[in-house]
Amino acid sequence: MPVLRWFHSDRRLSADLTVTGRRSGRTLGRAARPPGKVVGMGQIIEFPSNGHAASGYLAETDGTGPPGPGVIVLQEWWGLVDQITRTCDRLAAVGFTALAPDLYHGTVVPLTEPDEAGKQMMALKMASTAKELSGAVDELVRRTGRPQVGVVGFCMGGGLALVLGTQRPDAVAAVVPAYGLIPWPDAQPDYHAMTAAVLCHAAADDDYFTPEAARALEAELAALGRDVTCHVYDGVGHAFFNEDRPEAYDAAAAALLWDRTVAFLHEHLG
């Protein structure tokens, strides 16, 4: 029988974890981030991807015990910005091994240029992106020694998290899309292939990934017998988890999303 849970959240609840953000000052172009460069708690690494080298930001636990479960973190349409690397750091701090692949290959779009971010997003080639994501899965499996990983994604990264869940059902056990979009015509996922549990986050005032779209996703996955839980957060809009965007960020809703996500990942990954 399908496991289906639908929740409508009051954003005023569970506001015990607040992150003070800062706006990224980086500009569009190639970021000088060679492999091995330390950024925050982690570092930029290279990993194999279909015969080529891909790169990403890796944050690990403190090293006093075995590696924590692997979690892939997928960017919004801005690129591999500070908010994404900090999310990896936060996951490492609660016991996970987190890897954010750099899907724009060094290009970072300023948070004040959404039109350019949209162009970068739509320029992604899904065939090569899928290979990079699969390579990231294999890298975390290798580093952690665990056969399964989780995927967390925001905006376009949320959509890609769902896509990856359908493409690597052998290894992806938990998928967390936050207001996830799939704007690419050639990337529509076949949910019949997905075996992972899904935790979906949506904003009540989101014009991009609407509550209706979240309900449709929930219904489709539930009809296939998947374990799916959807939360809608009242009084907030798209990108409410991004603390570097004060016009969108909501501390209480972000804290609740974080707590639920961490608990979900621990439940399904250990």
Protein backbone atom coordinates (compact mmCIF):
# COMPACT_ATOMS: atom_id res chain seq x y z
CA MET A 1 0.00 0.00 0.00
CA PRO A 2 1.27 3.53 -0.70
CA VAL A 3 2.43 5.62 2.22
CA LEU A 4 1.03 9.11 1.72
CA ARG A 5 1.14 12.04 4.10
CA TRP A 6 0.06 15.58 3.29
CA PHE A 7 0.72 18.44 5.69
CA HIS A 8 -0.07 22.14 5.67
CA SER A 9 2.38 23.94 7.92
CA ASP A 10 2.10 27.19 9.80
CA ARG A 11 5.42 28.95 9.24
CA ARG A 12 5.39 30.26 12.81
CA LEU A 13 6.06 26.78 14.20
CA SER A 14 9.43 25.27 15.11
CA ALA A 15 11.51 28.40 14.71
CA ASP A 16 14.30 27.24 17.02
CA LEU A 17 17.03 27.19 14.36
CA THR A 18 17.77 30.50 12.65
CA VAL A 19 20.64 31.08 10.24
CA THR A 20 21.94 34.58 9.69
CA GLY A 21 22.65 34.91 5.99
CA ARG A 22 24.88 36.99 3.77
CA ARG A 23 24.45 37.88 0.15
CA SER A 24 26.84 36.33 -2.32
CA GLY A 25 29.07 38.93 -3.93
CA ARG A 26 30.36 36.76 -6.73
CA THR A 27 29.83 37.74 -10.33
CA LEU A 28 28.94 35.83 -13.44
CA GLY A 29 31.94 34.04 -14.83
CA ARG A 30 34.37 31.27 -14.07
CA ALA A 31 35.01 30.88 -10.37
CA ALA A 32 38.63 30.25 -9.36
CA ARG A 33 38.01 27.03 -7.44
CA PRO A 34 40.67 24.43 -8.27
CA PRO A 35 40.41 20.92 -6.84
CA GLY A 36 41.58 20.78 -3.24
CA LYS A 37 40.69 24.40 -2.50
CA VAL A 38 39.16 24.65 0.97
CA VAL A 39 35.85 26.51 1.11
CA GLY A 40 34.03 26.69 4.45
CA MET A 41 34.23 23.33 6.23
CA GLY A 42 34.78 21.39 3.02
CA GLN A 43 36.73 21.54 -0.20
CA ILE A 44 36.37 21.40 -3.96
CA ILE A 45 37.04 17.91 -5.30
CA GLU A 46 37.06 16.17 -8.66
CA PHE A 47 35.28 12.90 -9.32
CA PRO A 48 34.93 10.63 -12.38
CA SER A 49 31.94 11.15 -14.64
CA ASN A 50 31.55 9.07 -17.81
CA GLY A 51 35.25 9.12 -18.58
CA HIS A 52 35.71 12.77 -17.67
CA ALA A 53 36.36 14.70 -14.47
CA ALA A 54 33.49 16.57 -12.81
CA SER A 55 33.88 18.78 -9.75
CA GLY A 56 31.90 19.72 -6.69
CA TYR A 57 32.00 20.85 -3.09
CA LEU A 58 32.48 18.09 -0.51
CA ALA A 59 31.83 18.48 3.22
CA GLU A 60 32.52 15.57 5.56
CA THR A 61 32.07 14.74 9.23
CA ASP A 62 34.88 15.42 11.68
CA GLY A 63 36.68 12.17 10.88
CA THR A 64 36.55 10.70 14.37
CA GLY A 65 34.32 7.84 13.21
CA PRO A 66 33.24 6.13 10.00
CA PRO A 67 31.98 8.36 7.17
CA GLY A 68 28.41 9.52 7.51
CA PRO A 69 25.72 8.63 4.96
CA GLY A 70 26.08 10.36 1.62
CA VAL A 71 23.80 13.21 0.55
CA ILE A 72 23.96 15.00 -2.79
CA VAL A 73 22.97 18.69 -2.61
CA LEU A 74 21.70 20.22 -5.86
CA GLN A 75 21.91 23.93 -6.58
CA GLU A 76 19.29 26.50 -7.45
CA TRP A 77 19.65 28.21 -10.82
CA TRP A 78 22.36 30.56 -9.50
CA GLY A 79 25.09 27.92 -9.56
CA LEU A 80 27.33 26.61 -6.79
CA VAL A 81 26.84 29.64 -4.53
CA ASP A 82 27.79 30.12 -0.88
CA GLN A 83 24.33 29.15 0.35
CA ILE A 84 24.66 25.72 -1.23
CA THR A 85 28.14 25.08 0.18
CA ARG A 86 26.91 26.18 3.62
CA THR A 87 24.06 23.70 3.31
CA CYS A 88 26.67 20.98 2.70
CA ASP A 89 28.56 22.18 5.79
CA ARG A 90 25.40 22.02 7.88
CA LEU A 91 24.69 18.48 6.70
CA ALA A 92 28.23 17.44 7.60
CA ALA A 93 27.76 18.97 11.05
CA VAL A 94 24.80 16.64 11.69
CA GLY A 95 26.54 13.50 10.51
CA PHE A 96 26.32 13.32 6.71
CA THR A 97 28.86 13.33 3.89
CA ALA A 98 27.54 16.01 1.53
CA LEU A 99 28.55 16.62 -2.09
CA ALA A 100 27.25 19.48 -4.27
CA PRO A 101 28.26 18.90 -7.91
CA ASP A 102 29.09 22.08 -9.81
CA LEU A 103 26.59 21.76 -12.64
CA TYR A 104 27.55 25.11 -14.19
CA HIS A 105 31.27 24.18 -14.23
CA GLY A 106 32.50 27.28 -12.42
CA THR A 107 29.91 29.77 -13.62
CA VAL A 108 28.06 31.58 -10.82
CA VAL A 109 25.23 34.04 -11.46
CA PRO A 110 24.70 37.04 -9.13
CA LEU A 111 21.52 36.78 -7.08
CA THR A 112 20.37 40.05 -8.66
CA GLU A 113 20.28 38.59 -12.19
CA PRO A 114 17.44 36.05 -12.41
CA ASP A 115 17.13 36.38 -16.18
CA GLU A 116 20.73 35.28 -16.61
CA ALA A 117 20.20 32.47 -14.10
CA GLY A 118 17.26 31.26 -16.16
CA LYS A 119 19.42 31.22 -19.28
CA GLN A 120 22.10 29.19 -17.53
CA MET A 121 19.50 26.75 -16.25
CA MET A 122 17.92 26.19 -19.66
CA ALA A 123 21.36 25.79 -21.25
CA LEU A 124 22.03 22.64 -19.23
CA LYS A 125 22.38 19.58 -21.44
CA MET A 126 20.37 16.89 -19.72
CA ALA A 127 22.35 13.93 -21.08
CA SER A 128 25.67 15.19 -19.74
CA THR A 129 24.09 16.54 -16.55
CA ALA A 130 22.59 13.12 -15.83
CA LYS A 131 26.04 11.55 -16.18
CA GLU A 132 27.52 14.09 -13.75
CA LEU A 133 24.79 13.40 -11.22
CA SER A 134 25.33 9.67 -11.56
CA GLY A 135 29.05 10.21 -11.08
CA ALA A 136 28.32 12.14 -7.89
CA VAL A 137 26.25 9.19 -6.62
CA ASP A 138 29.10 6.79 -7.32
CA GLU A 139 31.60 9.11 -5.62
CA LEU A 140 29.58 9.23 -2.42
CA VAL A 141 29.06 5.47 -2.45
CA ARG A 142 32.82 5.04 -2.82
CA ARG A 143 33.74 7.56 -0.12
CA THR A 144 31.20 6.43 2.46
CA GLY A 145 31.28 2.69 1.80
CA ARG A 146 27.49 2.74 1.91
CA PRO A 147 25.37 1.48 -1.00
CA GLN A 148 22.67 4.16 -0.76
CA VAL A 149 22.60 7.95 -0.78
CA GLY A 150 20.08 10.74 -0.42
CA VAL A 151 19.48 13.76 -2.65
CA VAL A 152 18.37 17.23 -1.55
CA GLY A 153 17.68 19.94 -4.12
CA PHE A 154 16.29 23.46 -4.29
CA CYS A 155 14.34 25.04 -7.18
CA MET A 156 15.88 23.51 -10.33
CA GLY A 157 17.94 21.28 -8.03
CA GLY A 158 14.73 19.96 -6.52
CA GLY A 159 13.57 18.92 -9.97
CA LEU A 160 16.91 17.32 -10.70
CA ALA A 161 16.71 15.44 -7.39
CA LEU A 162 13.52 13.81 -8.61
CA VAL A 163 15.10 13.04 -11.98
CA LEU A 164 18.12 11.47 -10.29
CA GLY A 165 15.86 9.36 -8.12
CA THR A 166 14.36 7.82 -11.25
CA GLN A 167 17.71 7.36 -12.99
CA ARG A 168 19.60 5.73 -10.11
CA PRO A 169 17.03 3.71 -8.17
CA ASP A 170 19.84 1.26 -7.35
CA ALA A 171 21.50 3.80 -5.07
CA VAL A 172 19.14 6.70 -4.28
CA ALA A 173 17.04 5.89 -1.20
CA ALA A 174 15.77 9.34 -0.18
CA VAL A 175 14.80 12.35 -2.29
CA VAL A 176 14.03 15.81 -0.90
CA PRO A 177 12.82 18.36 -3.48
CA ALA A 178 12.29 21.87 -2.11
CA TYR A 179 10.01 23.88 -4.43
CA GLY A 180 11.46 21.76 -7.22
CA LEU A 181 11.09 22.70 -10.88
CA ILE A 182 11.64 20.56 -13.98
CA PRO A 183 11.57 23.06 -16.88
CA TRP A 184 13.49 20.93 -19.38
CA PRO A 185 11.23 19.10 -21.87
CA ASP A 186 13.72 16.23 -22.20
CA ALA A 187 14.05 15.65 -18.44
CA GLN A 188 10.55 14.63 -17.41
CA PRO A 189 11.06 11.76 -14.95
CA ASP A 190 9.52 8.32 -15.22
CA TYR A 191 8.38 7.78 -11.65
CA HIS A 192 7.72 4.11 -12.29
CA ALA A 193 11.48 3.63 -11.94
CA MET A 194 11.78 5.42 -8.60
CA THR A 195 12.03 3.39 -5.40
CA ALA A 196 13.20 6.15 -3.04
CA ALA A 197 11.11 7.73 -0.31
CA VAL A 198 10.23 11.35 -1.11
CA LEU A 199 9.89 14.36 1.19
CA CYS A 200 8.48 17.33 -0.74
CA HIS A 201 8.58 20.94 0.48
CA ALA A 202 6.37 23.58 -1.16
CA ALA A 203 5.52 27.22 -0.45
CA ALA A 204 1.90 28.35 -0.24
CA ASP A 205 2.68 31.57 -2.14
CA ASP A 206 4.91 30.06 -4.83
CA ASP A 207 3.98 30.89 -8.42
CA TYR A 208 6.65 28.53 -9.82
CA PHE A 209 6.10 25.28 -7.94
CA THR A 210 2.58 25.85 -6.70
CA PRO A 211 0.80 23.93 -3.92
CA GLU A 212 -1.36 22.44 -6.68
CA ALA A 213 1.77 21.14 -8.42
CA ALA A 214 2.94 19.65 -5.12
CA ARG A 215 -0.39 17.89 -4.66
CA ALA A 216 -0.22 16.55 -8.21
CA LEU A 217 3.28 15.19 -7.59
CA GLU A 218 2.15 13.64 -4.32
CA ALA A 219 -0.85 11.99 -5.98
CA GLU A 220 1.24 10.62 -8.85
CA LEU A 221 3.83 9.10 -6.53
CA ALA A 222 1.23 7.74 -4.13
CA ALA A 223 -0.64 6.08 -6.99
CA LEU A 224 2.57 4.21 -7.78
CA GLY A 225 2.85 3.02 -4.19
CA ARG A 226 5.74 5.28 -3.24
CA ASP A 227 6.43 6.55 0.28
CA VAL A 228 5.75 10.29 -0.13
CA THR A 229 5.24 13.12 2.34
CA CYS A 230 4.45 16.68 1.23
CA HIS A 231 4.57 19.83 3.35
CA VAL A 232 3.17 23.21 2.30
CA TYR A 233 4.49 26.20 4.25
CA ASP A 234 2.00 29.02 4.83
CA GLY A 235 2.86 32.66 4.25
CA VAL A 236 6.08 32.12 2.30
CA GLY A 237 7.07 32.06 -1.35
CA HIS A 238 9.63 30.46 -3.62
CA ALA A 239 13.21 30.11 -2.28
CA PHE A 240 12.24 30.69 1.36
CA PHE A 241 15.16 28.51 2.52
CA ASN A 242 17.84 30.72 0.90
CA GLU A 243 19.20 32.95 3.67
CA ASP A 244 21.20 34.99 1.15
CA ARG A 245 17.97 36.33 -0.36
CA PRO A 246 16.34 38.44 2.37
CA GLU A 247 13.38 39.26 0.13
CA ALA A 248 12.50 35.54 0.01
CA TYR A 249 14.00 34.02 3.16
CA ASP A 250 11.81 33.08 6.10
CA ALA A 251 13.70 31.92 9.19
CA ALA A 252 10.85 29.97 10.80
CA ALA A 253 9.84 28.11 7.65
CA ALA A 254 13.50 27.43 6.79
CA ALA A 255 14.12 26.00 10.26
CA LEU A 256 11.12 23.71 9.96
CA LEU A 257 12.20 22.54 6.48
CA TRP A 258 15.69 21.84 7.83
CA ASP A 259 14.53 19.87 10.87
CA ARG A 260 12.18 17.74 8.78
CA THR A 261 14.81 17.12 6.12
CA VAL A 262 17.51 16.05 8.58
CA ALA A 263 15.11 13.70 10.38
CA PHE A 264 13.97 12.21 7.05
CA LEU A 265 17.52 11.64 5.85
CA HIS A 266 18.53 9.97 9.11
CA GLU A 267 15.42 7.78 8.96
CA HIS A 268 16.14 6.49 5.47
CA LEU A 269 19.95 6.57 5.37
CA GLY A 270 20.99 5.99 8.96
